[in-house]
Amino acid sequence: MSFAWTVSDDAPWLQTEPKGSQVLLHIDPSGLSNGEYLGTVTVSPSGLSGVASVSAQVRLVVVDELHSVYVPVIKR
């Protein structure tokens, strides 16, 4: 069964885009200080009674720099 739905978000650094049967998330960390930021994406059905919206939390961690860690690999 197919139905119409909408998607929304609640954080200025987070943008959602419905794309077919998927939701694309666009993150813009510019202007954010280092730290952890939380947002919520909500998908809501349109025109269906008795069907609840579904929400998912998005966690963004902003840091100055990531450091690569190399683990040695040994072939037997």
Protein backbone atom coordinates (compact mmCIF):
# COMPACT_ATOMS: atom_id res chain seq x y z
CA MET A 1 0.00 0.00 0.00
CA SER A 2 1.43 3.38 -0.88
CA PHE A 3 0.57 6.66 0.81
CA ALA A 4 1.74 10.25 0.87
CA TRP A 5 4.05 11.46 3.62
CA THR A 6 5.93 14.53 4.73
CA VAL A 7 9.25 14.94 6.47
CA SER A 8 10.41 17.70 8.80
CA ASP A 9 13.40 18.55 10.99
CA ASP A 10 13.93 20.78 14.01
CA ALA A 11 17.56 21.95 13.78
CA PRO A 12 18.97 24.83 11.70
CA TRP A 13 22.04 22.76 10.70
CA LEU A 14 19.87 19.87 9.50
CA GLN A 15 17.81 19.85 6.31
CA THR A 16 15.64 17.00 5.09
CA GLU A 17 14.61 16.20 1.54
CA PRO A 18 12.05 13.56 0.53
CA LYS A 19 13.37 11.58 -2.46
CA GLY A 20 11.02 8.86 -3.67
CA SER A 21 10.62 6.47 -0.76
CA GLN A 22 13.75 7.78 1.00
CA VAL A 23 14.69 10.77 3.13
CA LEU A 24 17.97 12.54 2.36
CA LEU A 25 19.67 14.39 5.19
CA HIS A 26 21.83 17.44 4.48
CA ILE A 27 24.14 18.61 7.27
CA ASP A 28 25.67 22.11 7.36
CA PRO A 29 28.12 22.43 10.26
CA SER A 30 29.38 25.86 9.18
CA GLY A 31 29.13 28.38 11.99
CA LEU A 32 28.86 25.69 14.67
CA SER A 33 31.34 25.51 17.52
CA ASN A 34 32.96 22.24 18.55
CA GLY A 35 30.54 20.07 20.44
CA GLU A 36 27.58 17.76 20.15
CA TYR A 37 24.32 18.81 18.53
CA LEU A 38 21.03 16.92 18.52
CA GLY A 39 18.18 17.21 16.06
CA THR A 40 15.05 15.26 15.21
CA VAL A 41 13.71 14.10 11.85
CA THR A 42 9.99 13.33 11.76
CA VAL A 43 8.15 11.45 9.01
CA SER A 44 4.38 11.93 9.06
CA PRO A 45 1.77 10.15 6.95
CA SER A 46 -0.69 12.30 5.03
CA GLY A 47 -4.34 11.36 4.78
CA LEU A 48 -4.16 8.24 6.92
CA SER A 49 -6.03 8.08 10.17
CA GLY A 50 -4.69 6.02 13.05
CA VAL A 51 -1.10 6.01 11.76
CA ALA A 52 1.43 7.74 13.98
CA SER A 53 4.39 9.82 12.88
CA VAL A 54 7.87 8.31 13.24
CA SER A 55 10.79 10.31 14.63
CA ALA A 56 14.52 9.63 14.63
CA GLN A 57 17.20 11.50 16.50
CA VAL A 58 20.25 12.80 14.60
CA ARG A 59 23.50 13.38 16.48
CA LEU A 60 26.16 15.66 15.00
CA VAL A 61 29.60 15.92 16.56
CA VAL A 62 31.70 18.88 15.42
CA VAL A 63 35.48 18.72 15.97
CA ASP A 64 38.44 20.72 14.64
CA GLU A 65 40.25 17.78 13.14
CA LEU A 66 39.97 14.00 12.87
CA HIS A 67 43.09 11.90 13.28
CA SER A 68 43.54 8.71 11.29
CA VAL A 69 44.46 5.61 13.23
CA TYR A 70 46.20 2.82 11.38
CA VAL A 71 45.95 -0.71 12.68
CA PRO A 72 48.54 -3.17 11.35
CA VAL A 73 47.18 -5.99 9.26
CA ILE A 74 49.01 -9.33 9.26
CA LYS A 75 48.45 -11.85 6.50
CA ARG A 76 48.86 -15.53 7.41
